[in-house]
């Protein structure tokens, strides 16, 4: 098995084109371009699914920092954004409920203390 090497997106496209023109012969493409069989297979698979965008090297980037390549990725990003929004709204709602509860307790304590001071004066 050949150890992988760094490739550019143009090189990956060239390797995929070579493989497709030679009847999906991953082994021959791997030997010709000195990359691993598995890597050629993965590039061809991604190219078939997503076109040129599938050959982008997206390692080292946060999922949401790059534009979506497929409609599925776009929908996944949208769902993740909505889930974050729901999380923050729930957090805010819980916080406001807690503040309201504390204010209610303070009001009860103040009423109780003012009632006791009125009784002591009489």
PDB file of N, CA and C in Angstrom:
ATOM      1  N   UNK A   1       0.849  -1.177   0.000  1.00  0.00           N
ATOM      2  CA  UNK A   1       0.000   0.000   0.000  1.00  0.00           C
ATOM      3  C   UNK A   1       0.894   1.239   0.000  1.00  0.00           C
ATOM      4  N   UNK A   2       0.554   2.209  -0.823  1.00  0.00           N
ATOM      5  CA  UNK A   2       1.316   3.435  -0.927  1.00  0.00           C
ATOM      6  C   UNK A   2       0.883   4.403   0.164  1.00  0.00           C
ATOM      7  N   UNK A   3       1.863   5.019   0.792  1.00  0.00           N
ATOM      8  CA  UNK A   3       1.554   6.026   1.809  1.00  0.00           C
ATOM      9  C   UNK A   3       1.016   7.267   1.105  1.00  0.00           C
ATOM     10  N   UNK A   4      -0.011   7.857   1.680  1.00  0.00           N
ATOM     11  CA  UNK A   4      -0.613   9.033   1.077  1.00  0.00           C
ATOM     12  C   UNK A   4       0.342  10.212   1.060  1.00  0.00           C
ATOM     13  N   UNK A   5       0.092  11.139   0.191  1.00  0.00           N
ATOM     14  CA  UNK A   5       0.882  12.364   0.110  1.00  0.00           C
ATOM     15  C   UNK A   5      -0.079  13.530   0.000  1.00  0.00           C
ATOM     16  N   UNK A   6       0.438  14.718   0.235  1.00  0.00           N
ATOM     17  CA  UNK A   6      -0.406  15.901   0.136  1.00  0.00           C
ATOM     18  C   UNK A   6      -0.763  16.135  -1.320  1.00  0.00           C
ATOM     19  N   UNK A   7      -2.016  16.460  -1.553  1.00  0.00           N
ATOM     20  CA  UNK A   7      -2.482  16.739  -2.906  1.00  0.00           C
ATOM     21  C   UNK A   7      -3.311  18.010  -2.893  1.00  0.00           C
ATOM     22  N   UNK A   8      -3.325  18.688  -4.030  1.00  0.00           N
ATOM     23  CA  UNK A   8      -4.172  19.867  -4.175  1.00  0.00           C
ATOM     24  C   UNK A   8      -5.527  19.415  -4.710  1.00  0.00           C
ATOM     25  N   UNK A   9      -6.481  20.321  -4.688  1.00  0.00           N
ATOM     26  CA  UNK A   9      -7.801  19.970  -5.204  1.00  0.00           C
ATOM     27  C   UNK A   9      -7.714  19.655  -6.698  1.00  0.00           C
ATOM     28  N   UNK A  10      -6.875  20.376  -7.428  1.00  0.00           N
ATOM     29  CA  UNK A  10      -6.709  20.112  -8.863  1.00  0.00           C
ATOM     30  C   UNK A  10      -6.124  18.719  -9.102  1.00  0.00           C
ATOM     31  N   UNK A  11      -5.158  18.318  -8.264  1.00  0.00           N
ATOM     32  CA  UNK A  11      -4.575  16.975  -8.392  1.00  0.00           C
ATOM     33  C   UNK A  11      -5.628  15.905  -8.108  1.00  0.00           C
ATOM     34  N   UNK A  12      -6.429  16.139  -7.077  1.00  0.00           N
ATOM     35  CA  UNK A  12      -7.480  15.170  -6.755  1.00  0.00           C
ATOM     36  C   UNK A  12      -8.466  15.038  -7.915  1.00  0.00           C
ATOM     37  N   UNK A  13      -8.810  16.168  -8.542  1.00  0.00           N
ATOM     38  CA  UNK A  13      -9.717  16.144  -9.693  1.00  0.00           C
ATOM     39  C   UNK A  13      -9.086  15.353 -10.828  1.00  0.00           C
ATOM     40  N   UNK A  14      -7.800  15.576 -11.061  1.00  0.00           N
ATOM     41  CA  UNK A  14      -7.082  14.861 -12.127  1.00  0.00           C
ATOM     42  C   UNK A  14      -7.071  13.347 -11.852  1.00  0.00           C
ATOM     43  N   UNK A  15      -6.831  12.976 -10.603  1.00  0.00           N
ATOM     44  CA  UNK A  15      -6.795  11.561 -10.222  1.00  0.00           C
ATOM     45  C   UNK A  15      -8.174  10.928 -10.414  1.00  0.00           C
ATOM     46  N   UNK A  16      -9.210  11.633 -10.011  1.00  0.00           N
ATOM     47  CA  UNK A  16     -10.582  11.119 -10.174  1.00  0.00           C
ATOM     48  C   UNK A  16     -10.909  10.957 -11.651  1.00  0.00           C
ATOM     49  N   UNK A  17     -10.559  11.955 -12.461  1.00  0.00           N
ATOM     50  CA  UNK A  17     -10.812  11.861 -13.902  1.00  0.00           C
ATOM     51  C   UNK A  17     -10.086  10.659 -14.502  1.00  0.00           C
ATOM     52  N   UNK A  18      -8.844  10.463 -14.094  1.00  0.00           N
ATOM     53  CA  UNK A  18      -8.058   9.327 -14.580  1.00  0.00           C
ATOM     54  C   UNK A  18      -8.755   8.012 -14.223  1.00  0.00           C
ATOM     55  N   UNK A  19      -9.190   7.926 -12.986  1.00  0.00           N
ATOM     56  CA  UNK A  19      -9.835   6.704 -12.510  1.00  0.00           C
ATOM     57  C   UNK A  19     -11.129   6.434 -13.276  1.00  0.00           C
ATOM     58  N   UNK A  20     -11.913   7.475 -13.502  1.00  0.00           N
ATOM     59  CA  UNK A  20     -13.183   7.304 -14.217  1.00  0.00           C
ATOM     60  C   UNK A  20     -12.947   6.918 -15.677  1.00  0.00           C
ATOM     61  N   UNK A  21     -11.906   7.465 -16.296  1.00  0.00           N
ATOM     62  CA  UNK A  21     -11.597   7.145 -17.689  1.00  0.00           C
ATOM     63  C   UNK A  21     -11.043   5.745 -17.850  1.00  0.00           C
ATOM     64  N   UNK A  22     -10.484   5.180 -16.775  1.00  0.00           N
ATOM     65  CA  UNK A  22      -9.892   3.842 -16.832  1.00  0.00           C
ATOM     66  C   UNK A  22     -10.762   2.815 -16.104  1.00  0.00           C
ATOM     67  N   UNK A  23     -12.047   2.892 -16.317  1.00  0.00           N
ATOM     68  CA  UNK A  23     -13.013   1.906 -15.804  1.00  0.00           C
ATOM     69  C   UNK A  23     -12.938   1.702 -14.295  1.00  0.00           C
ATOM     70  N   UNK A  24     -12.829   2.784 -13.563  1.00  0.00           N
ATOM     71  CA  UNK A  24     -12.847   2.739 -12.088  1.00  0.00           C
ATOM     72  C   UNK A  24     -11.729   1.863 -11.525  1.00  0.00           C
ATOM     73  N   UNK A  25     -10.563   1.895 -12.146  1.00  0.00           N
ATOM     74  CA  UNK A  25      -9.429   1.109 -11.686  1.00  0.00           C
ATOM     75  C   UNK A  25      -8.677   1.919 -10.611  1.00  0.00           C
ATOM     76  N   UNK A  26      -9.132   1.761  -9.376  1.00  0.00           N
ATOM     77  CA  UNK A  26      -8.565   2.523  -8.261  1.00  0.00           C
ATOM     78  C   UNK A  26      -7.086   2.199  -8.048  1.00  0.00           C
ATOM     79  N   UNK A  27      -6.734   0.926  -8.168  1.00  0.00           N
ATOM     80  CA  UNK A  27      -5.354   0.492  -7.949  1.00  0.00           C
ATOM     81  C   UNK A  27      -4.396   1.121  -8.933  1.00  0.00           C
ATOM     82  N   UNK A  28      -4.782   1.139 -10.199  1.00  0.00           N
ATOM     83  CA  UNK A  28      -3.922   1.732 -11.233  1.00  0.00           C
ATOM     84  C   UNK A  28      -3.755   3.236 -11.000  1.00  0.00           C
ATOM     85  N   UNK A  29      -4.850   3.895 -10.653  1.00  0.00           N
ATOM     86  CA  UNK A  29      -4.783   5.336 -10.378  1.00  0.00           C
ATOM     87  C   UNK A  29      -3.893   5.604  -9.167  1.00  0.00           C
ATOM     88  N   UNK A  30      -4.006   4.765  -8.155  1.00  0.00           N
ATOM     89  CA  UNK A  30      -3.202   4.931  -6.941  1.00  0.00           C
ATOM     90  C   UNK A  30      -1.709   4.794  -7.258  1.00  0.00           C
ATOM     91  N   UNK A  31      -1.352   3.776  -8.061  1.00  0.00           N
ATOM     92  CA  UNK A  31       0.050   3.573  -8.423  1.00  0.00           C
ATOM     93  C   UNK A  31       0.568   4.710  -9.295  1.00  0.00           C
ATOM     94  N   UNK A  32      -0.238   5.130 -10.253  1.00  0.00           N
ATOM     95  CA  UNK A  32       0.174   6.174 -11.188  1.00  0.00           C
ATOM     96  C   UNK A  32       0.456   7.490 -10.472  1.00  0.00           C
ATOM     97  N   UNK A  33      -0.392   7.832  -9.518  1.00  0.00           N
ATOM     98  CA  UNK A  33      -0.271   9.132  -8.846  1.00  0.00           C
ATOM     99  C   UNK A  33       0.366   9.037  -7.453  1.00  0.00           C
ATOM    100  N   UNK A  34       0.811   7.865  -7.069  1.00  0.00           N
ATOM    101  CA  UNK A  34       1.494   7.627  -5.797  1.00  0.00           C
ATOM    102  C   UNK A  34       0.668   8.095  -4.588  1.00  0.00           C
ATOM    103  N   UNK A  35      -0.574   7.654  -4.582  1.00  0.00           N
ATOM    104  CA  UNK A  35      -1.460   7.883  -3.436  1.00  0.00           C
ATOM    105  C   UNK A  35      -2.073   6.542  -3.065  1.00  0.00           C
ATOM    106  N   UNK A  36      -2.767   6.487  -1.947  1.00  0.00           N
ATOM    107  CA  UNK A  36      -3.310   5.207  -1.506  1.00  0.00           C
ATOM    108  C   UNK A  36      -4.588   4.835  -2.267  1.00  0.00           C
ATOM    109  N   UNK A  37      -4.812   3.542  -2.382  1.00  0.00           N
ATOM    110  CA  UNK A  37      -6.004   2.998  -3.031  1.00  0.00           C
ATOM    111  C   UNK A  37      -7.250   3.541  -2.351  1.00  0.00           C
ATOM    112  N   UNK A  38      -7.242   3.483  -1.027  1.00  0.00           N
ATOM    113  CA  UNK A  38      -8.409   3.920  -0.260  1.00  0.00           C
ATOM    114  C   UNK A  38      -8.716   5.396  -0.521  1.00  0.00           C
ATOM    115  N   UNK A  39      -7.677   6.216  -0.621  1.00  0.00           N
ATOM    116  CA  UNK A  39      -7.890   7.643  -0.852  1.00  0.00           C
ATOM    117  C   UNK A  39      -8.506   7.877  -2.224  1.00  0.00           C
ATOM    118  N   UNK A  40      -8.042   7.158  -3.233  1.00  0.00           N
ATOM    119  CA  UNK A  40      -8.614   7.283  -4.577  1.00  0.00           C
ATOM    120  C   UNK A  40     -10.085   6.879  -4.541  1.00  0.00           C
ATOM    121  N   UNK A  41     -10.375   5.782  -3.866  1.00  0.00           N
ATOM    122  CA  UNK A  41     -11.756   5.305  -3.753  1.00  0.00           C
ATOM    123  C   UNK A  41     -12.637   6.377  -3.104  1.00  0.00           C
ATOM    124  N   UNK A  42     -12.148   6.980  -2.003  1.00  0.00           N
ATOM    125  CA  UNK A  42     -12.922   8.006  -1.295  1.00  0.00           C
ATOM    126  C   UNK A  42     -13.139   9.243  -2.168  1.00  0.00           C
ATOM    127  N   UNK A  43     -12.116   9.664  -2.887  1.00  0.00           N
ATOM    128  CA  UNK A  43     -12.258  10.839  -3.752  1.00  0.00           C
ATOM    129  C   UNK A  43     -13.289  10.586  -4.849  1.00  0.00           C
ATOM    130  N   UNK A  44     -13.236   9.406  -5.451  1.00  0.00           N
ATOM    131  CA  UNK A  44     -14.199   9.081  -6.515  1.00  0.00           C
ATOM    132  C   UNK A  44     -15.614   9.049  -5.934  1.00  0.00           C
ATOM    133  N   UNK A  45     -15.756   8.432  -4.778  1.00  0.00           N
ATOM    134  CA  UNK A  45     -17.071   8.347  -4.122  1.00  0.00           C
ATOM    135  C   UNK A  45     -17.621   9.746  -3.819  1.00  0.00           C
ATOM    136  N   UNK A  46     -16.775  10.628  -3.267  1.00  0.00           N
ATOM    137  CA  UNK A  46     -17.217  11.988  -2.945  1.00  0.00           C
ATOM    138  C   UNK A  46     -17.491  12.790  -4.213  1.00  0.00           C
ATOM    139  N   UNK A  47     -16.690  12.574  -5.242  1.00  0.00           N
ATOM    140  CA  UNK A  47     -16.884  13.290  -6.502  1.00  0.00           C
ATOM    141  C   UNK A  47     -18.226  12.915  -7.121  1.00  0.00           C
ATOM    142  N   UNK A  48     -18.559  11.633  -7.074  1.00  0.00           N
ATOM    143  CA  UNK A  48     -19.842  11.186  -7.623  1.00  0.00           C
ATOM    144  C   UNK A  48     -21.019  11.773  -6.849  1.00  0.00           C
ATOM    145  N   UNK A  49     -20.861  11.903  -5.544  1.00  0.00           N
ATOM    146  CA  UNK A  49     -21.948  12.407  -4.702  1.00  0.00           C
ATOM    147  C   UNK A  49     -22.083  13.930  -4.753  1.00  0.00           C
ATOM    148  N   UNK A  50     -20.933  14.658  -4.795  1.00  0.00           N
ATOM    149  CA  UNK A  50     -20.985  16.118  -4.640  1.00  0.00           C
ATOM    150  C   UNK A  50     -20.295  16.905  -5.747  1.00  0.00           C
ATOM    151  N   UNK A  51     -19.719  16.228  -6.702  1.00  0.00           N
ATOM    152  CA  UNK A  51     -19.006  16.945  -7.756  1.00  0.00           C
ATOM    153  C   UNK A  51     -17.671  17.483  -7.244  1.00  0.00           C
ATOM    154  N   UNK A  52     -17.226  18.574  -7.861  1.00  0.00           N
ATOM    155  CA  UNK A  52     -15.928  19.164  -7.483  1.00  0.00           C
ATOM    156  C   UNK A  52     -15.875  19.553  -6.005  1.00  0.00           C
ATOM    157  N   UNK A  53     -16.994  19.967  -5.446  1.00  0.00           N
ATOM    158  CA  UNK A  53     -17.022  20.383  -4.037  1.00  0.00           C
ATOM    159  C   UNK A  53     -16.653  19.224  -3.111  1.00  0.00           C
ATOM    160  N   UNK A  54     -16.909  18.004  -3.524  1.00  0.00           N
ATOM    161  CA  UNK A  54     -16.578  16.839  -2.711  1.00  0.00           C
ATOM    162  C   UNK A  54     -15.084  16.607  -2.569  1.00  0.00           C
ATOM    163  N   UNK A  55     -14.299  17.245  -3.431  1.00  0.00           N
ATOM    164  CA  UNK A  55     -12.851  17.056  -3.393  1.00  0.00           C
ATOM    165  C   UNK A  55     -12.142  18.111  -2.554  1.00  0.00           C
ATOM    166  N   UNK A  56     -12.897  19.044  -1.977  1.00  0.00           N
ATOM    167  CA  UNK A  56     -12.289  20.068  -1.120  1.00  0.00           C
ATOM    168  C   UNK A  56     -11.714  19.433   0.132  1.00  0.00           C
ATOM    169  N   UNK A  57     -10.582  19.969   0.576  1.00  0.00           N
ATOM    170  CA  UNK A  57      -9.989  19.534   1.841  1.00  0.00           C
ATOM    171  C   UNK A  57     -10.564  20.427   2.924  1.00  0.00           C
ATOM    172  N   UNK A  58     -11.452  19.878   3.731  1.00  0.00           N
ATOM    173  CA  UNK A  58     -12.137  20.672   4.746  1.00  0.00           C
ATOM    174  C   UNK A  58     -11.644  20.346   6.157  1.00  0.00           C
ATOM    175  N   UNK A  59     -10.507  19.675   6.247  1.00  0.00           N
ATOM    176  CA  UNK A  59      -9.967  19.349   7.571  1.00  0.00           C
ATOM    177  C   UNK A  59      -9.489  20.614   8.255  1.00  0.00           C
ATOM    178  N   UNK A  60      -9.633  20.657   9.572  1.00  0.00           N
ATOM    179  CA  UNK A  60      -9.144  21.778  10.342  1.00  0.00           C
ATOM    180  C   UNK A  60     -10.079  22.972  10.356  1.00  0.00           C
ATOM    181  N   UNK A  61     -11.253  22.819   9.784  1.00  0.00           N
ATOM    182  CA  UNK A  61     -12.233  23.907   9.774  1.00  0.00           C
ATOM    183  C   UNK A  61     -13.454  23.478  10.560  1.00  0.00           C
ATOM    184  N   UNK A  62     -14.027  24.414  11.265  1.00  0.00           N
ATOM    185  CA  UNK A  62     -15.260  24.117  11.981  1.00  0.00           C
ATOM    186  C   UNK A  62     -16.355  23.845  10.964  1.00  0.00           C
ATOM    187  N   UNK A  63     -17.265  22.999  11.322  1.00  0.00           N
ATOM    188  CA  UNK A  63     -18.325  22.587  10.401  1.00  0.00           C
ATOM    189  C   UNK A  63     -19.096  23.795   9.865  1.00  0.00           C
ATOM    190  N   UNK A  64     -19.444  24.725  10.727  1.00  0.00           N
ATOM    191  CA  UNK A  64     -20.257  25.849  10.298  1.00  0.00           C
ATOM    192  C   UNK A  64     -19.494  26.982   9.649  1.00  0.00           C
ATOM    193  N   UNK A  65     -18.167  26.920   9.613  1.00  0.00           N
ATOM    194  CA  UNK A  65     -17.392  28.038   9.091  1.00  0.00           C
ATOM    195  C   UNK A  65     -17.242  28.004   7.572  1.00  0.00           C
ATOM    196  N   UNK A  66     -17.553  26.899   6.948  1.00  0.00           N
ATOM    197  CA  UNK A  66     -17.454  26.786   5.496  1.00  0.00           C
ATOM    198  C   UNK A  66     -18.843  26.643   4.887  1.00  0.00           C
ATOM    199  N   UNK A  67     -19.028  27.104   3.661  1.00  0.00           N
ATOM    200  CA  UNK A  67     -20.344  26.965   3.033  1.00  0.00           C
ATOM    201  C   UNK A  67     -20.692  25.499   2.797  1.00  0.00           C
ATOM    202  N   UNK A  68     -21.973  25.224   2.813  1.00  0.00           N
ATOM    203  CA  UNK A  68     -22.447  23.850   2.605  1.00  0.00           C
ATOM    204  C   UNK A  68     -22.174  23.410   1.176  1.00  0.00           C
ATOM    205  N   UNK A  69     -21.883  22.113   1.021  1.00  0.00           N
ATOM    206  CA  UNK A  69     -21.603  21.577  -0.306  1.00  0.00           C
ATOM    207  C   UNK A  69     -22.840  20.936  -0.925  1.00  0.00           C
ATOM    208  N   UNK A  70     -23.719  20.435  -0.090  1.00  0.00           N
ATOM    209  CA  UNK A  70     -24.909  19.761  -0.603  1.00  0.00           C
ATOM    210  C   UNK A  70     -26.140  20.310   0.103  1.00  0.00           C
ATOM    211  N   UNK A  71     -27.294  19.986  -0.442  1.00  0.00           N
ATOM    212  CA  UNK A  71     -28.549  20.410   0.181  1.00  0.00           C
ATOM    213  C   UNK A  71     -28.691  19.781   1.570  1.00  0.00           C
ATOM    214  N   UNK A  72     -28.221  18.542   1.701  1.00  0.00           N
ATOM    215  CA  UNK A  72     -28.280  17.857   2.996  1.00  0.00           C
ATOM    216  C   UNK A  72     -27.437  18.592   4.045  1.00  0.00           C
ATOM    217  N   UNK A  73     -26.238  19.007   3.665  1.00  0.00           N
ATOM    218  CA  UNK A  73     -25.388  19.756   4.592  1.00  0.00           C
ATOM    219  C   UNK A  73     -26.030  21.093   4.949  1.00  0.00           C
ATOM    220  N   UNK A  74     -26.648  21.728   3.957  1.00  0.00           N
ATOM    221  CA  UNK A  74     -27.304  23.009   4.201  1.00  0.00           C
ATOM    222  C   UNK A  74     -28.442  22.841   5.207  1.00  0.00           C
ATOM    223  N   UNK A  75     -29.231  21.780   5.040  1.00  0.00           N
ATOM    224  CA  UNK A  75     -30.329  21.521   5.971  1.00  0.00           C
ATOM    225  C   UNK A  75     -29.804  21.166   7.357  1.00  0.00           C
ATOM    226  N   UNK A  76     -28.722  20.382   7.410  1.00  0.00           N
ATOM    227  CA  UNK A  76     -28.122  20.026   8.691  1.00  0.00           C
ATOM    228  C   UNK A  76     -27.630  21.275   9.431  1.00  0.00           C
ATOM    229  N   UNK A  77     -27.004  22.196   8.676  1.00  0.00           N
ATOM    230  CA  UNK A  77     -26.533  23.442   9.277  1.00  0.00           C
ATOM    231  C   UNK A  77     -27.696  24.279   9.794  1.00  0.00           C
ATOM    232  N   UNK A  78     -28.773  24.295   9.017  1.00  0.00           N
ATOM    233  CA  UNK A  78     -29.955  25.061   9.419  1.00  0.00           C
ATOM    234  C   UNK A  78     -30.570  24.476  10.696  1.00  0.00           C
ATOM    235  N   UNK A  79     -30.667  23.151  10.762  1.00  0.00           N
ATOM    236  CA  UNK A  79     -31.205  22.482  11.958  1.00  0.00           C
ATOM    237  C   UNK A  79     -30.317  22.767  13.162  1.00  0.00           C
ATOM    238  N   UNK A  80     -29.009  22.691  12.971  1.00  0.00           N
ATOM    239  CA  UNK A  80     -28.074  22.963  14.081  1.00  0.00           C
ATOM    240  C   UNK A  80     -28.237  24.398  14.571  1.00  0.00           C
ATOM    241  N   UNK A  81     -28.406  25.337  13.649  1.00  0.00           N
ATOM    242  CA  UNK A  81     -28.613  26.729  14.032  1.00  0.00           C
ATOM    243  C   UNK A  81     -29.905  26.918  14.813  1.00  0.00           C
ATOM    244  N   UNK A  82     -30.961  26.250  14.361  1.00  0.00           N
ATOM    245  CA  UNK A  82     -32.240  26.344  15.069  1.00  0.00           C
ATOM    246  C   UNK A  82     -32.162  25.690  16.445  1.00  0.00           C
ATOM    247  N   UNK A  83     -31.428  24.585  16.543  1.00  0.00           N
ATOM    248  CA  UNK A  83     -31.263  23.933  17.854  1.00  0.00           C
ATOM    249  C   UNK A  83     -30.500  24.843  18.816  1.00  0.00           C
ATOM    250  N   UNK A  84     -29.470  25.539  18.314  1.00  0.00           N
ATOM    251  CA  UNK A  84     -28.743  26.495  19.165  1.00  0.00           C
ATOM    252  C   UNK A  84     -29.669  27.618  19.624  1.00  0.00           C
ATOM    253  N   UNK A  85     -30.499  28.096  18.700  1.00  0.00           N
ATOM    254  CA  UNK A  85     -31.423  29.169  19.028  1.00  0.00           C
ATOM    255  C   UNK A  85     -32.413  28.715  20.103  1.00  0.00           C
ATOM    256  N   UNK A  86     -32.955  27.513  19.960  1.00  0.00           N
ATOM    257  CA  UNK A  86     -33.879  26.971  20.958  1.00  0.00           C
ATOM    258  C   UNK A  86     -33.181  26.840  22.302  1.00  0.00           C
ATOM    259  N   UNK A  87     -31.939  26.376  22.305  1.00  0.00           N
ATOM    260  CA  UNK A  87     -31.175  26.224  23.545  1.00  0.00           C
ATOM    261  C   UNK A  87     -31.052  27.565  24.265  1.00  0.00           C
ATOM    262  N   UNK A  88     -30.639  28.605  23.525  1.00  0.00           N
ATOM    263  CA  UNK A  88     -30.446  29.916  24.155  1.00  0.00           C
ATOM    264  C   UNK A  88     -31.765  30.526  24.623  1.00  0.00           C
ATOM    265  N   UNK A  89     -32.835  30.316  23.851  1.00  0.00           N
ATOM    266  CA  UNK A  89     -34.138  30.826  24.276  1.00  0.00           C
ATOM    267  C   UNK A  89     -34.623  30.111  25.530  1.00  0.00           C
ATOM    268  N   UNK A  90     -34.394  28.800  25.604  1.00  0.00           N
ATOM    269  CA  UNK A  90     -34.776  28.038  26.793  1.00  0.00           C
ATOM    270  C   UNK A  90     -33.976  28.508  28.004  1.00  0.00           C
ATOM    271  N   UNK A  91     -32.684  28.761  27.790  1.00  0.00           N
ATOM    272  CA  UNK A  91     -31.825  29.263  28.862  1.00  0.00           C
ATOM    273  C   UNK A  91     -32.327  30.625  29.361  1.00  0.00           C
ATOM    274  N   UNK A  92     -32.663  31.493  28.418  1.00  0.00           N
ATOM    275  CA  UNK A  92     -33.179  32.812  28.780  1.00  0.00           C
ATOM    276  C   UNK A  92     -34.511  32.694  29.523  1.00  0.00           C
ATOM    277  N   UNK A  93     -35.380  31.821  29.047  1.00  0.00           N
ATOM    278  CA  UNK A  93     -36.681  31.599  29.689  1.00  0.00           C
ATOM    279  C   UNK A  93     -36.509  31.090  31.124  1.00  0.00           C
ATOM    280  N   UNK A  94     -35.626  30.116  31.308  1.00  0.00           N
ATOM    281  CA  UNK A  94     -35.369  29.588  32.656  1.00  0.00           C
ATOM    282  C   UNK A  94     -34.808  30.670  33.577  1.00  0.00           C
ATOM    283  N   UNK A  95     -33.924  31.510  33.034  1.00  0.00           N
ATOM    284  CA  UNK A  95     -33.343  32.594  33.819  1.00  0.00           C
ATOM    285  C   UNK A  95     -34.428  33.583  34.264  1.00  0.00           C
ATOM    286  N   UNK A  96     -35.300  33.941  33.324  1.00  0.00           N
ATOM    287  CA  UNK A  96     -36.370  34.893  33.659  1.00  0.00           C
ATOM    288  C   UNK A  96     -37.341  34.311  34.684  1.00  0.00           C
ATOM    289  N   UNK A  97     -37.611  33.025  34.585  1.00  0.00           N
ATOM    290  CA  UNK A  97     -38.470  32.373  35.587  1.00  0.00           C
ATOM    291  C   UNK A  97     -37.818  32.444  36.960  1.00  0.00           C
ATOM    292  N   UNK A  98     -36.521  32.212  37.021  1.00  0.00           N
ATOM    293  CA  UNK A  98     -35.799  32.247  38.296  1.00  0.00           C
ATOM    294  C   UNK A  98     -35.817  33.659  38.880  1.00  0.00           C
ATOM    295  N   UNK A  99     -35.601  34.673  38.040  1.00  0.00           N
ATOM    296  CA  UNK A  99     -35.638  36.062  38.502  1.00  0.00           C
ATOM    297  C   UNK A  99     -37.025  36.385  39.048  1.00  0.00           C
ATOM    298  N   UNK A 100     -38.065  35.969  38.345  1.00  0.00           N
ATOM    299  CA  UNK A 100     -39.437  36.228  38.795  1.00  0.00           C
ATOM    300  C   UNK A 100     -39.696  35.561  40.151  1.00  0.00           C
ATOM    301  N   UNK A 101     -39.218  34.330  40.307  1.00  0.00           N
ATOM    302  CA  UNK A 101     -39.374  33.609  41.575  1.00  0.00           C
ATOM    303  C   UNK A 101     -38.652  34.333  42.711  1.00  0.00           C
ATOM    304  N   UNK A 102     -37.441  34.798  42.470  1.00  0.00           N
ATOM    305  CA  UNK A 102     -36.677  35.527  43.491  1.00  0.00           C
ATOM    306  C   UNK A 102     -37.359  36.850  43.852  1.00  0.00           C
ATOM    307  N   UNK A 103     -37.871  37.543  42.840  1.00  0.00           N
ATOM    308  CA  UNK A 103     -38.589  38.793  43.121  1.00  0.00           C
ATOM    309  C   UNK A 103     -39.845  38.534  43.953  1.00  0.00           C
ATOM    310  N   UNK A 104     -40.541  37.451  43.652  1.00  0.00           N
ATOM    311  CA  UNK A 104     -41.741  37.085  44.413  1.00  0.00           C
ATOM    312  C   UNK A 104     -41.378  36.794  45.870  1.00  0.00           C
ATOM    313  N   UNK A 105     -40.283  36.052  46.074  1.00  0.00           N
ATOM    314  CA  UNK A 105     -39.836  35.751  47.441  1.00  0.00           C
ATOM    315  C   UNK A 105     -39.470  37.028  48.196  1.00  0.00           C
ATOM    316  N   UNK A 106     -38.736  37.926  47.533  1.00  0.00           N
ATOM    317  CA  UNK A 106     -38.361  39.192  48.164  1.00  0.00           C
ATOM    318  C   UNK A 106     -39.593  39.990  48.571  1.00  0.00           C
ATOM    319  N   UNK A 107     -40.602  40.020  47.703  1.00  0.00           N
ATOM    320  CA  UNK A 107     -41.829  40.748  48.009  1.00  0.00           C
ATOM    321  C   UNK A 107     -42.515  40.141  49.227  1.00  0.00           C
ATOM    322  N   UNK A 108     -42.553  38.808  49.332  1.00  0.00           N
ATOM    323  CA  UNK A 108     -43.168  38.145  50.483  1.00  0.00           C
ATOM    324  C   UNK A 108     -42.404  38.457  51.767  1.00  0.00           C
ATOM    325  N   UNK A 109     -41.086  38.434  51.682  1.00  0.00           N
ATOM    326  CA  UNK A 109     -40.254  38.726  52.851  1.00  0.00           C
ATOM    327  C   UNK A 109     -40.478  40.173  53.299  1.00  0.00           C
ATOM    328  N   UNK A 110     -40.556  41.083  52.369  1.00  0.00           N
ATOM    329  CA  UNK A 110     -40.772  42.491  52.719  1.00  0.00           C
ATOM    330  C   UNK A 110     -42.140  42.691  53.360  1.00  0.00           C
ATOM    331  N   UNK A 111     -43.161  42.035  52.813  1.00  0.00           N
ATOM    332  CA  UNK A 111     -44.501  42.137  53.402  1.00  0.00           C
ATOM    333  C   UNK A 111     -44.511  41.578  54.824  1.00  0.00           C
ATOM    334  N   UNK A 112     -43.847  40.456  55.003  1.00  0.00           N
ATOM    335  CA  UNK A 112     -43.810  39.824  56.322  1.00  0.00           C
ATOM    336  C   UNK A 112     -43.070  40.711  57.321  1.00  0.00           C
ATOM    337  N   UNK A 113     -41.958  41.298  56.893  1.00  0.00           N
ATOM    338  CA  UNK A 113     -41.196  42.143  57.822  1.00  0.00           C
ATOM    339  C   UNK A 113     -41.947  43.441  58.126  1.00  0.00           C
ATOM    340  N   UNK A 114     -42.646  44.009  57.138  1.00  0.00           N
ATOM    341  CA  UNK A 114     -43.410  45.238  57.403  1.00  0.00           C
ATOM    342  C   UNK A 114     -44.613  44.944  58.295  1.00  0.00           C
ATOM    343  N   UNK A 115     -45.211  43.761  58.136  1.00  0.00           N
ATOM    344  CA  UNK A 115     -46.351  43.384  58.986  1.00  0.00           C
ATOM    345  C   UNK A 115     -45.877  43.183  60.426  1.00  0.00           C
ATOM    346  N   UNK A 116     -44.704  42.595  60.595  1.00  0.00           N
ATOM    347  CA  UNK A 116     -44.202  42.374  61.962  1.00  0.00           C
ATOM    348  C   UNK A 116     -43.806  43.686  62.628  1.00  0.00           C
ATOM    349  N   UNK A 117     -43.280  44.628  61.861  1.00  0.00           N
ATOM    350  CA  UNK A 117     -42.932  45.919  62.472  1.00  0.00           C
ATOM    351  C   UNK A 117     -44.177  46.709  62.845  1.00  0.00           C
ATOM    352  N   UNK A 118     -45.263  46.579  62.076  1.00  0.00           N
ATOM    353  CA  UNK A 118     -46.531  47.239  62.414  1.00  0.00           C
ATOM    354  C   UNK A 118     -47.094  46.674  63.706  1.00  0.00           C
ATOM    355  N   UNK A 119     -46.983  45.341  63.888  1.00  0.00           N
ATOM    356  CA  UNK A 119     -47.497  44.712  65.098  1.00  0.00           C
ATOM    357  C   UNK A 119     -46.683  45.155  66.320  1.00  0.00           C
ATOM    358  N   UNK A 120     -45.390  45.332  66.129  1.00  0.00           N
ATOM    359  CA  UNK A 120     -44.546  45.738  67.268  1.00  0.00           C
ATOM    360  C   UNK A 120     -44.837  47.176  67.673  1.00  0.00           C
ATOM    361  N   UNK A 121     -45.236  48.051  66.764  1.00  0.00           N
ATOM    362  CA  UNK A 121     -45.535  49.439  67.075  1.00  0.00           C
ATOM    363  C   UNK A 121     -46.844  49.546  67.841  1.00  0.00           C
ATOM    364  N   UNK A 122     -47.761  48.655  67.619  1.00  0.00           N
ATOM    365  CA  UNK A 122     -49.068  48.741  68.290  1.00  0.00           C
ATOM    366  C   UNK A 122     -49.044  48.035  69.547  1.00  0.00           C
TER     367      UNK A 122
END
